[in-house]
């Protein structure tokens, strides 16, 4: 994978998880697959 960058926050409401990035990435589009790592949870 690539575009490794930091996540500012992750919150969950029910089954919906919201990820806020530390820096903007305008090349991601709906339907893409991303890999998250480093969460204690």
ModelCIF file with pLDDT and N, C-alpha, C, O atoms, coordinates in Angstrom:
data_MODEL
#
_entry.id   MODEL 
#
_entity.id                         1 
_entity.type                       polymer 
_entity.pdbx_number_of_molecules   1 
#
_entity_poly.entity_id                      1 
_entity_poly.type                           'polypeptide(L)' 
_entity_poly.nstd_linkage                   no 
_entity_poly.nstd_monomer                   no 
_entity_poly.pdbx_seq_one_letter_code       
;(UNK)(UNK)(UNK)(UNK)(UNK)(UNK)(UNK)(UNK)(UNK)(UNK)(UNK)(UNK)(UNK)(UNK)(UNK)(UNK)
(UNK)(UNK)(UNK)(UNK)(UNK)(UNK)(UNK)(UNK)(UNK)(UNK)(UNK)(UNK)(UNK)(UNK)(UNK)(UNK)
(UNK)(UNK)(UNK)(UNK)(UNK)(UNK)(UNK)(UNK)(UNK)
;
_entity_poly.pdbx_seq_one_letter_code_can   XXXXXXXXXXXXXXXXXXXXXXXXXXXXXXXXXXXXXXXXX 
_entity_poly.pdbx_strand_id                 A 
#
loop_
_entity_poly_seq.entity_id 
_entity_poly_seq.num 
_entity_poly_seq.mon_id 
_entity_poly_seq.hetero 
1 1  UNK n 
1 2  UNK n 
1 3  UNK n 
1 4  UNK n 
1 5  UNK n 
1 6  UNK n 
1 7  UNK n 
1 8  UNK n 
1 9  UNK n 
1 10 UNK n 
1 11 UNK n 
1 12 UNK n 
1 13 UNK n 
1 14 UNK n 
1 15 UNK n 
1 16 UNK n 
1 17 UNK n 
1 18 UNK n 
1 19 UNK n 
1 20 UNK n 
1 21 UNK n 
1 22 UNK n 
1 23 UNK n 
1 24 UNK n 
1 25 UNK n 
1 26 UNK n 
1 27 UNK n 
1 28 UNK n 
1 29 UNK n 
1 30 UNK n 
1 31 UNK n 
1 32 UNK n 
1 33 UNK n 
1 34 UNK n 
1 35 UNK n 
1 36 UNK n 
1 37 UNK n 
1 38 UNK n 
1 39 UNK n 
1 40 UNK n 
1 41 UNK n 
#
_struct_asym.id          A 
_struct_asym.entity_id   1 
#
loop_
_ma_qa_metric.id 
_ma_qa_metric.mode 
_ma_qa_metric.name 
_ma_qa_metric.software_group_id 
_ma_qa_metric.type 
1 global pLDDT . pLDDT 
2 local  pLDDT . pLDDT 
#
_ma_qa_metric_global.metric_id      1 
_ma_qa_metric_global.metric_value   96.63 
_ma_qa_metric_global.model_id       1 
_ma_qa_metric_global.ordinal_id     1 
#
loop_
_ma_qa_metric_local.label_asym_id 
_ma_qa_metric_local.label_comp_id 
_ma_qa_metric_local.label_seq_id 
_ma_qa_metric_local.metric_id 
_ma_qa_metric_local.metric_value 
_ma_qa_metric_local.model_id 
_ma_qa_metric_local.ordinal_id 
A UNK 1  2 96.00 1 1  
A UNK 2  2 95.00 1 2  
A UNK 3  2 88.00 1 3  
A UNK 4  2 90.00 1 4  
A UNK 5  2 94.00 1 5  
A UNK 6  2 97.00 1 6  
A UNK 7  2 98.00 1 7  
A UNK 8  2 98.00 1 8  
A UNK 9  2 98.00 1 9  
A UNK 10 2 98.00 1 10 
A UNK 11 2 98.00 1 11 
A UNK 12 2 98.00 1 12 
A UNK 13 2 98.00 1 13 
A UNK 14 2 98.00 1 14 
A UNK 15 2 98.00 1 15 
A UNK 16 2 98.00 1 16 
A UNK 17 2 98.00 1 17 
A UNK 18 2 98.00 1 18 
A UNK 19 2 98.00 1 19 
A UNK 20 2 98.00 1 20 
A UNK 21 2 97.00 1 21 
A UNK 22 2 97.00 1 22 
A UNK 23 2 96.00 1 23 
A UNK 24 2 96.00 1 24 
A UNK 25 2 96.00 1 25 
A UNK 26 2 96.00 1 26 
A UNK 27 2 96.00 1 27 
A UNK 28 2 96.00 1 28 
A UNK 29 2 95.00 1 29 
A UNK 30 2 96.00 1 30 
A UNK 31 2 95.00 1 31 
A UNK 32 2 96.00 1 32 
A UNK 33 2 97.00 1 33 
A UNK 34 2 98.00 1 34 
A UNK 35 2 97.00 1 35 
A UNK 36 2 98.00 1 36 
A UNK 37 2 97.00 1 37 
A UNK 38 2 97.00 1 38 
A UNK 39 2 98.00 1 39 
A UNK 40 2 98.00 1 40 
A UNK 41 2 98.00 1 41 
#
loop_
_atom_site.group_PDB 
_atom_site.id 
_atom_site.type_symbol 
_atom_site.label_atom_id 
_atom_site.label_alt_id 
_atom_site.label_comp_id 
_atom_site.label_asym_id 
_atom_site.label_entity_id 
_atom_site.label_seq_id 
_atom_site.pdbx_PDB_ins_code 
_atom_site.Cartn_x 
_atom_site.Cartn_y 
_atom_site.Cartn_z 
_atom_site.occupancy 
_atom_site.B_iso_or_equiv 
_atom_site.pdbx_formal_charge 
_atom_site.auth_seq_id 
_atom_site.auth_comp_id 
_atom_site.auth_asym_id 
_atom_site.auth_atom_id 
_atom_site.pdbx_PDB_model_num 
ATOM 1   N N  . UNK A 1 1  ? 0.823   -1.193 0.000  1.00 96.00 ? 1  UNK A N  1 
ATOM 2   C CA . UNK A 1 1  ? 0.000   0.000  0.000  1.00 96.00 ? 1  UNK A CA 1 
ATOM 3   C C  . UNK A 1 1  ? 0.861   1.249  0.000  1.00 96.00 ? 1  UNK A C  1 
ATOM 4   O O  . UNK A 1 1  ? 2.085   1.174  0.110  1.00 96.00 ? 1  UNK A O  1 
ATOM 5   N N  . UNK A 1 2  ? 0.208   2.404  -0.125 1.00 95.00 ? 2  UNK A N  1 
ATOM 6   C CA . UNK A 1 2  ? 0.959   3.664  -0.118 1.00 95.00 ? 2  UNK A CA 1 
ATOM 7   C C  . UNK A 1 2  ? 0.062   4.809  0.318  1.00 95.00 ? 2  UNK A C  1 
ATOM 8   O O  . UNK A 1 2  ? -1.110  4.606  0.636  1.00 95.00 ? 2  UNK A O  1 
ATOM 9   N N  . UNK A 1 3  ? 0.616   6.006  0.333  1.00 88.00 ? 3  UNK A N  1 
ATOM 10  C CA . UNK A 1 3  ? -0.002  7.207  0.890  1.00 88.00 ? 3  UNK A CA 1 
ATOM 11  C C  . UNK A 1 3  ? -0.084  7.098  2.409  1.00 88.00 ? 3  UNK A C  1 
ATOM 12  O O  . UNK A 1 3  ? -1.044  7.562  3.024  1.00 88.00 ? 3  UNK A O  1 
ATOM 13  N N  . UNK A 1 4  ? 0.940   6.476  3.009  1.00 90.00 ? 4  UNK A N  1 
ATOM 14  C CA . UNK A 1 4  ? 0.938   6.367  4.461  1.00 90.00 ? 4  UNK A CA 1 
ATOM 15  C C  . UNK A 1 4  ? 0.988   7.756  5.091  1.00 90.00 ? 4  UNK A C  1 
ATOM 16  O O  . UNK A 1 4  ? 1.899   8.538  4.819  1.00 90.00 ? 4  UNK A O  1 
ATOM 17  N N  . UNK A 1 5  ? 0.009   8.051  5.927  1.00 94.00 ? 5  UNK A N  1 
ATOM 18  C CA . UNK A 1 5  ? -0.069  9.353  6.578  1.00 94.00 ? 5  UNK A CA 1 
ATOM 19  C C  . UNK A 1 5  ? -0.837  9.194  7.877  1.00 94.00 ? 5  UNK A C  1 
ATOM 20  O O  . UNK A 1 5  ? -1.441  8.153  8.133  1.00 94.00 ? 5  UNK A O  1 
ATOM 21  N N  . UNK A 1 6  ? -0.809  10.232 8.691  1.00 97.00 ? 6  UNK A N  1 
ATOM 22  C CA . UNK A 1 6  ? -1.373  10.127 10.030 1.00 97.00 ? 6  UNK A CA 1 
ATOM 23  C C  . UNK A 1 6  ? -2.859  10.465 10.055 1.00 97.00 ? 6  UNK A C  1 
ATOM 24  O O  . UNK A 1 6  ? -3.374  11.211 9.222  1.00 97.00 ? 6  UNK A O  1 
ATOM 25  N N  . UNK A 1 7  ? -3.517  9.886  11.041 1.00 98.00 ? 7  UNK A N  1 
ATOM 26  C CA . UNK A 1 7  ? -4.931  10.120 11.297 1.00 98.00 ? 7  UNK A CA 1 
ATOM 27  C C  . UNK A 1 7  ? -5.055  10.997 12.537 1.00 98.00 ? 7  UNK A C  1 
ATOM 28  O O  . UNK A 1 7  ? -4.442  10.717 13.567 1.00 98.00 ? 7  UNK A O  1 
ATOM 29  N N  . UNK A 1 8  ? -5.846  12.054 12.436 1.00 98.00 ? 8  UNK A N  1 
ATOM 30  C CA . UNK A 1 8  ? -6.015  12.955 13.575 1.00 98.00 ? 8  UNK A CA 1 
ATOM 31  C C  . UNK A 1 8  ? -6.966  12.371 14.608 1.00 98.00 ? 8  UNK A C  1 
ATOM 32  O O  . UNK A 1 8  ? -6.727  12.498 15.809 1.00 98.00 ? 8  UNK A O  1 
ATOM 33  N N  . UNK A 1 9  ? -8.055  11.725 14.150 1.00 98.00 ? 9  UNK A N  1 
ATOM 34  C CA . UNK A 1 9  ? -9.014  11.162 15.103 1.00 98.00 ? 9  UNK A CA 1 
ATOM 35  C C  . UNK A 1 9  ? -9.878  10.111 14.421 1.00 98.00 ? 9  UNK A C  1 
ATOM 36  O O  . UNK A 1 9  ? -10.093 10.140 13.210 1.00 98.00 ? 9  UNK A O  1 
ATOM 37  N N  . UNK A 1 10 ? -10.370 9.175  15.245 1.00 98.00 ? 10 UNK A N  1 
ATOM 38  C CA . UNK A 1 10 ? -11.351 8.196  14.802 1.00 98.00 ? 10 UNK A CA 1 
ATOM 39  C C  . UNK A 1 10 ? -12.447 8.138  15.857 1.00 98.00 ? 10 UNK A C  1 
ATOM 40  O O  . UNK A 1 10 ? -12.173 7.936  17.040 1.00 98.00 ? 10 UNK A O  1 
ATOM 41  N N  . UNK A 1 11 ? -13.687 8.316  15.420 1.00 98.00 ? 11 UNK A N  1 
ATOM 42  C CA . UNK A 1 11 ? -14.821 8.194  16.330 1.00 98.00 ? 11 UNK A CA 1 
ATOM 43  C C  . UNK A 1 11 ? -15.842 7.230  15.728 1.00 98.00 ? 11 UNK A C  1 
ATOM 44  O O  . UNK A 1 11 ? -15.879 7.012  14.517 1.00 98.00 ? 11 UNK A O  1 
ATOM 45  N N  . UNK A 1 12 ? -16.662 6.665  16.598 1.00 98.00 ? 12 UNK A N  1 
ATOM 46  C CA . UNK A 1 12 ? -17.693 5.721  16.146 1.00 98.00 ? 12 UNK A CA 1 
ATOM 47  C C  . UNK A 1 12 ? -19.053 6.100  16.708 1.00 98.00 ? 12 UNK A C  1 
ATOM 48  O O  . UNK A 1 12 ? -19.185 6.431  17.886 1.00 98.00 ? 12 UNK A O  1 
ATOM 49  N N  . UNK A 1 13 ? -20.066 6.046  15.842 1.00 98.00 ? 13 UNK A N  1 
ATOM 50  C CA . UNK A 1 13 ? -21.450 6.198  16.272 1.00 98.00 ? 13 UNK A CA 1 
ATOM 51  C C  . UNK A 1 13 ? -22.233 5.049  15.668 1.00 98.00 ? 13 UNK A C  1 
ATOM 52  O O  . UNK A 1 13 ? -22.490 5.032  14.464 1.00 98.00 ? 13 UNK A O  1 
ATOM 53  N N  . UNK A 1 14 ? -22.613 4.089  16.498 1.00 98.00 ? 14 UNK A N  1 
ATOM 54  C CA . UNK A 1 14 ? -23.229 2.878  15.975 1.00 98.00 ? 14 UNK A CA 1 
ATOM 55  C C  . UNK A 1 14 ? -22.233 2.115  15.112 1.00 98.00 ? 14 UNK A C  1 
ATOM 56  O O  . UNK A 1 14 ? -21.120 1.831  15.553 1.00 98.00 ? 14 UNK A O  1 
ATOM 57  N N  . UNK A 1 15 ? -22.621 1.786  13.905 1.00 98.00 ? 15 UNK A N  1 
ATOM 58  C CA . UNK A 1 15 ? -21.715 1.067  13.013 1.00 98.00 ? 15 UNK A CA 1 
ATOM 59  C C  . UNK A 1 15 ? -20.923 1.994  12.090 1.00 98.00 ? 15 UNK A C  1 
ATOM 60  O O  . UNK A 1 15 ? -20.112 1.524  11.292 1.00 98.00 ? 15 UNK A O  1 
ATOM 61  N N  . UNK A 1 16 ? -21.150 3.300  12.191 1.00 98.00 ? 16 UNK A N  1 
ATOM 62  C CA . UNK A 1 16 ? -20.459 4.260  11.331 1.00 98.00 ? 16 UNK A CA 1 
ATOM 63  C C  . UNK A 1 16 ? -19.228 4.810  12.026 1.00 98.00 ? 16 UNK A C  1 
ATOM 64  O O  . UNK A 1 16 ? -19.317 5.378  13.115 1.00 98.00 ? 16 UNK A O  1 
ATOM 65  N N  . UNK A 1 17 ? -18.082 4.638  11.388 1.00 98.00 ? 17 UNK A N  1 
ATOM 66  C CA . UNK A 1 17 ? -16.816 5.151  11.909 1.00 98.00 ? 17 UNK A CA 1 
ATOM 67  C C  . UNK A 1 17 ? -16.410 6.361  11.071 1.00 98.00 ? 17 UNK A C  1 
ATOM 68  O O  . UNK A 1 17 ? -16.429 6.308  9.841  1.00 98.00 ? 17 UNK A O  1 
ATOM 69  N N  . UNK A 1 18 ? -16.048 7.439  11.737 1.00 98.00 ? 18 UNK A N  1 
ATOM 70  C CA . UNK A 1 18 ? -15.612 8.660  11.067 1.00 98.00 ? 18 UNK A CA 1 
ATOM 71  C C  . UNK A 1 18 ? -14.124 8.862  11.311 1.00 98.00 ? 18 UNK A C  1 
ATOM 72  O O  . UNK A 1 18 ? -13.669 8.906  12.454 1.00 98.00 ? 18 UNK A O  1 
ATOM 73  N N  . UNK A 1 19 ? -13.379 8.984  10.228 1.00 98.00 ? 19 UNK A N  1 
ATOM 74  C CA . UNK A 1 19 ? -11.923 9.159  10.294 1.00 98.00 ? 19 UNK A CA 1 
ATOM 75  C C  . UNK A 1 19 ? -11.583 10.558 9.816  1.00 98.00 ? 19 UNK A C  1 
ATOM 76  O O  . UNK A 1 19 ? -11.956 10.954 8.712  1.00 98.00 ? 19 UNK A O  1 
ATOM 77  N N  . UNK A 1 20 ? -10.876 11.304 10.650 1.00 98.00 ? 20 UNK A N  1 
ATOM 78  C CA . UNK A 1 20 ? -10.408 12.634 10.281 1.00 98.00 ? 20 UNK A CA 1 
ATOM 79  C C  . UNK A 1 20 ? -8.904  12.580 10.083 1.00 98.00 ? 20 UNK A C  1 
ATOM 80  O O  . UNK A 1 20 ? -8.176  12.123 10.964 1.00 98.00 ? 20 UNK A O  1 
ATOM 81  N N  . UNK A 1 21 ? -8.434  13.043 8.933  1.00 97.00 ? 21 UNK A N  1 
ATOM 82  C CA . UNK A 1 21 ? -7.019  12.979 8.584  1.00 97.00 ? 21 UNK A CA 1 
ATOM 83  C C  . UNK A 1 21 ? -6.272  14.203 9.113  1.00 97.00 ? 21 UNK A C  1 
ATOM 84  O O  . UNK A 1 21 ? -6.849  15.276 9.285  1.00 97.00 ? 21 UNK A O  1 
ATOM 85  N N  . UNK A 1 22 ? -4.999  14.020 9.363  1.00 97.00 ? 22 UNK A N  1 
ATOM 86  C CA . UNK A 1 22 ? -4.181  15.136 9.836  1.00 97.00 ? 22 UNK A CA 1 
ATOM 87  C C  . UNK A 1 22 ? -3.888  16.132 8.722  1.00 97.00 ? 22 UNK A C  1 
ATOM 88  O O  . UNK A 1 22 ? -3.681  17.316 8.986  1.00 97.00 ? 22 UNK A O  1 
ATOM 89  N N  . UNK A 1 23 ? -3.869  15.662 7.489  1.00 96.00 ? 23 UNK A N  1 
ATOM 90  C CA . UNK A 1 23 ? -3.638  16.536 6.332  1.00 96.00 ? 23 UNK A CA 1 
ATOM 91  C C  . UNK A 1 23 ? -4.584  16.123 5.217  1.00 96.00 ? 23 UNK A C  1 
ATOM 92  O O  . UNK A 1 23 ? -4.939  14.950 5.099  1.00 96.00 ? 23 UNK A O  1 
ATOM 93  N N  . UNK A 1 24 ? -4.987  17.078 4.408  1.00 96.00 ? 24 UNK A N  1 
ATOM 94  C CA . UNK A 1 24 ? -5.958  16.816 3.347  1.00 96.00 ? 24 UNK A CA 1 
ATOM 95  C C  . UNK A 1 24 ? -5.393  15.842 2.312  1.00 96.00 ? 24 UNK A C  1 
ATOM 96  O O  . UNK A 1 24 ? -4.203  15.862 1.999  1.00 96.00 ? 24 UNK A O  1 
ATOM 97  N N  . UNK A 1 25 ? -6.278  14.990 1.793  1.00 96.00 ? 25 UNK A N  1 
ATOM 98  C CA . UNK A 1 25 ? -5.948  14.086 0.692  1.00 96.00 ? 25 UNK A CA 1 
ATOM 99  C C  . UNK A 1 25 ? -7.119  14.124 -0.283 1.00 96.00 ? 25 UNK A C  1 
ATOM 100 O O  . UNK A 1 25 ? -8.146  13.486 -0.051 1.00 96.00 ? 25 UNK A O  1 
ATOM 101 N N  . UNK A 1 26 ? -6.965  14.861 -1.360 1.00 96.00 ? 26 UNK A N  1 
ATOM 102 C CA . UNK A 1 26 ? -8.059  15.043 -2.319 1.00 96.00 ? 26 UNK A CA 1 
ATOM 103 C C  . UNK A 1 26 ? -8.110  13.931 -3.364 1.00 96.00 ? 26 UNK A C  1 
ATOM 104 O O  . UNK A 1 26 ? -8.957  13.967 -4.256 1.00 96.00 ? 26 UNK A O  1 
ATOM 105 N N  . UNK A 1 27 ? -7.211  12.938 -3.268 1.00 96.00 ? 27 UNK A N  1 
ATOM 106 C CA . UNK A 1 27 ? -7.191  11.867 -4.275 1.00 96.00 ? 27 UNK A CA 1 
ATOM 107 C C  . UNK A 1 27 ? -7.970  10.626 -3.848 1.00 96.00 ? 27 UNK A C  1 
ATOM 108 O O  . UNK A 1 27 ? -8.178  9.727  -4.662 1.00 96.00 ? 27 UNK A O  1 
ATOM 109 N N  . UNK A 1 28 ? -8.400  10.557 -2.600 1.00 96.00 ? 28 UNK A N  1 
ATOM 110 C CA . UNK A 1 28 ? -9.259  9.464  -2.174 1.00 96.00 ? 28 UNK A CA 1 
ATOM 111 C C  . UNK A 1 28 ? -10.671 9.695  -2.722 1.00 96.00 ? 28 UNK A C  1 
ATOM 112 O O  . UNK A 1 28 ? -11.146 10.830 -2.766 1.00 96.00 ? 28 UNK A O  1 
ATOM 113 N N  . UNK A 1 29 ? -11.333 8.617  -3.137 1.00 95.00 ? 29 UNK A N  1 
ATOM 114 C CA . UNK A 1 29 ? -12.701 8.725  -3.643 1.00 95.00 ? 29 UNK A CA 1 
ATOM 115 C C  . UNK A 1 29 ? -13.557 7.659  -2.979 1.00 95.00 ? 29 UNK A C  1 
ATOM 116 O O  . UNK A 1 29 ? -13.054 6.640  -2.506 1.00 95.00 ? 29 UNK A O  1 
ATOM 117 N N  . UNK A 1 30 ? -14.846 7.911  -2.952 1.00 96.00 ? 30 UNK A N  1 
ATOM 118 C CA . UNK A 1 30 ? -15.785 6.935  -2.394 1.00 96.00 ? 30 UNK A CA 1 
ATOM 119 C C  . UNK A 1 30 ? -15.651 5.607  -3.137 1.00 96.00 ? 30 UNK A C  1 
ATOM 120 O O  . UNK A 1 30 ? -15.610 5.563  -4.366 1.00 96.00 ? 30 UNK A O  1 
ATOM 121 N N  . UNK A 1 31 ? -15.585 4.541  -2.365 1.00 95.00 ? 31 UNK A N  1 
ATOM 122 C CA . UNK A 1 31 ? -15.372 3.216  -2.938 1.00 95.00 ? 31 UNK A CA 1 
ATOM 123 C C  . UNK A 1 31 ? -13.962 2.716  -2.809 1.00 95.00 ? 31 UNK A C  1 
ATOM 124 O O  . UNK A 1 31 ? -13.717 1.520  -2.969 1.00 95.00 ? 31 UNK A O  1 
ATOM 125 N N  . UNK A 1 32 ? -13.008 3.610  -2.520 1.00 96.00 ? 32 UNK A N  1 
ATOM 126 C CA . UNK A 1 32 ? -11.627 3.189  -2.276 1.00 96.00 ? 32 UNK A CA 1 
ATOM 127 C C  . UNK A 1 32 ? -11.540 2.325  -1.030 1.00 96.00 ? 32 UNK A C  1 
ATOM 128 O O  . UNK A 1 32 ? -12.402 2.379  -0.153 1.00 96.00 ? 32 UNK A O  1 
ATOM 129 N N  . UNK A 1 33 ? -10.479 1.524  -0.971 1.00 97.00 ? 33 UNK A N  1 
ATOM 130 C CA . UNK A 1 33 ? -10.179 0.734  0.224  1.00 97.00 ? 33 UNK A CA 1 
ATOM 131 C C  . UNK A 1 33 ? -8.927  1.296  0.876  1.00 97.00 ? 33 UNK A C  1 
ATOM 132 O O  . UNK A 1 33 ? -7.907  1.495  0.215  1.00 97.00 ? 33 UNK A O  1 
ATOM 133 N N  . UNK A 1 34 ? -9.012  1.552  2.182  1.00 98.00 ? 34 UNK A N  1 
ATOM 134 C CA . UNK A 1 34 ? -7.858  2.046  2.927  1.00 98.00 ? 34 UNK A CA 1 
ATOM 135 C C  . UNK A 1 34 ? -7.540  1.066  4.048  1.00 98.00 ? 34 UNK A C  1 
ATOM 136 O O  . UNK A 1 34 ? -8.405  0.327  4.519  1.00 98.00 ? 34 UNK A O  1 
ATOM 137 N N  . UNK A 1 35 ? -6.295  1.080  4.456  1.00 97.00 ? 35 UNK A N  1 
ATOM 138 C CA . UNK A 1 35 ? -5.841  0.218  5.543  1.00 97.00 ? 35 UNK A CA 1 
ATOM 139 C C  . UNK A 1 35 ? -5.459  1.084  6.728  1.00 97.00 ? 35 UNK A C  1 
ATOM 140 O O  . UNK A 1 35 ? -4.599  1.957  6.610  1.00 97.00 ? 35 UNK A O  1 
ATOM 141 N N  . UNK A 1 36 ? -6.099  0.847  7.880  1.00 98.00 ? 36 UNK A N  1 
ATOM 142 C CA . UNK A 1 36 ? -5.782  1.556  9.122  1.00 98.00 ? 36 UNK A CA 1 
ATOM 143 C C  . UNK A 1 36 ? -4.896  0.681  9.994  1.00 98.00 ? 36 UNK A C  1 
ATOM 144 O O  . UNK A 1 36 ? -5.058  -0.539 10.038 1.00 98.00 ? 36 UNK A O  1 
ATOM 145 N N  . UNK A 1 37 ? -3.963  1.312  10.683 1.00 97.00 ? 37 UNK A N  1 
ATOM 146 C CA . UNK A 1 37 ? -3.085  0.584  11.604 1.00 97.00 ? 37 UNK A CA 1 
ATOM 147 C C  . UNK A 1 37 ? -2.713  1.489  12.763 1.00 97.00 ? 37 UNK A C  1 
ATOM 148 O O  . UNK A 1 37 ? -2.776  2.714  12.660 1.00 97.00 ? 37 UNK A O  1 
ATOM 149 N N  . UNK A 1 38 ? -2.327  0.872  13.864 1.00 97.00 ? 38 UNK A N  1 
ATOM 150 C CA . UNK A 1 38 ? -1.826  1.632  15.004 1.00 97.00 ? 38 UNK A CA 1 
ATOM 151 C C  . UNK A 1 38 ? -2.842  1.964  16.067 1.00 97.00 ? 38 UNK A C  1 
ATOM 152 O O  . UNK A 1 38 ? -2.480  2.528  17.100 1.00 97.00 ? 38 UNK A O  1 
ATOM 153 N N  . UNK A 1 39 ? -4.120  1.631  15.851 1.00 98.00 ? 39 UNK A N  1 
ATOM 154 C CA . UNK A 1 39 ? -5.132  1.919  16.879 1.00 98.00 ? 39 UNK A CA 1 
ATOM 155 C C  . UNK A 1 39 ? -4.998  0.925  18.030 1.00 98.00 ? 39 UNK A C  1 
ATOM 156 O O  . UNK A 1 39 ? -4.884  -0.280 17.808 1.00 98.00 ? 39 UNK A O  1 
ATOM 157 N N  . UNK A 1 40 ? -5.013  1.429  19.242 1.00 98.00 ? 40 UNK A N  1 
ATOM 158 C CA . UNK A 1 40 ? -4.980  0.556  20.418 1.00 98.00 ? 40 UNK A CA 1 
ATOM 159 C C  . UNK A 1 40 ? -6.226  -0.331 20.418 1.00 98.00 ? 40 UNK A C  1 
ATOM 160 O O  . UNK A 1 40 ? -6.151  -1.512 20.759 1.00 98.00 ? 40 UNK A O  1 
ATOM 161 N N  . UNK A 1 41 ? -7.352  0.231  20.042 1.00 98.00 ? 41 UNK A N  1 
ATOM 162 C CA . UNK A 1 41 ? -8.596  -0.531 19.906 1.00 98.00 ? 41 UNK A CA 1 
ATOM 163 C C  . UNK A 1 41 ? -8.532  -1.249 18.550 1.00 98.00 ? 41 UNK A C  1 
ATOM 164 O O  . UNK A 1 41 ? -9.464  -1.966 18.186 1.00 98.00 ? 41 UNK A O  1 
#
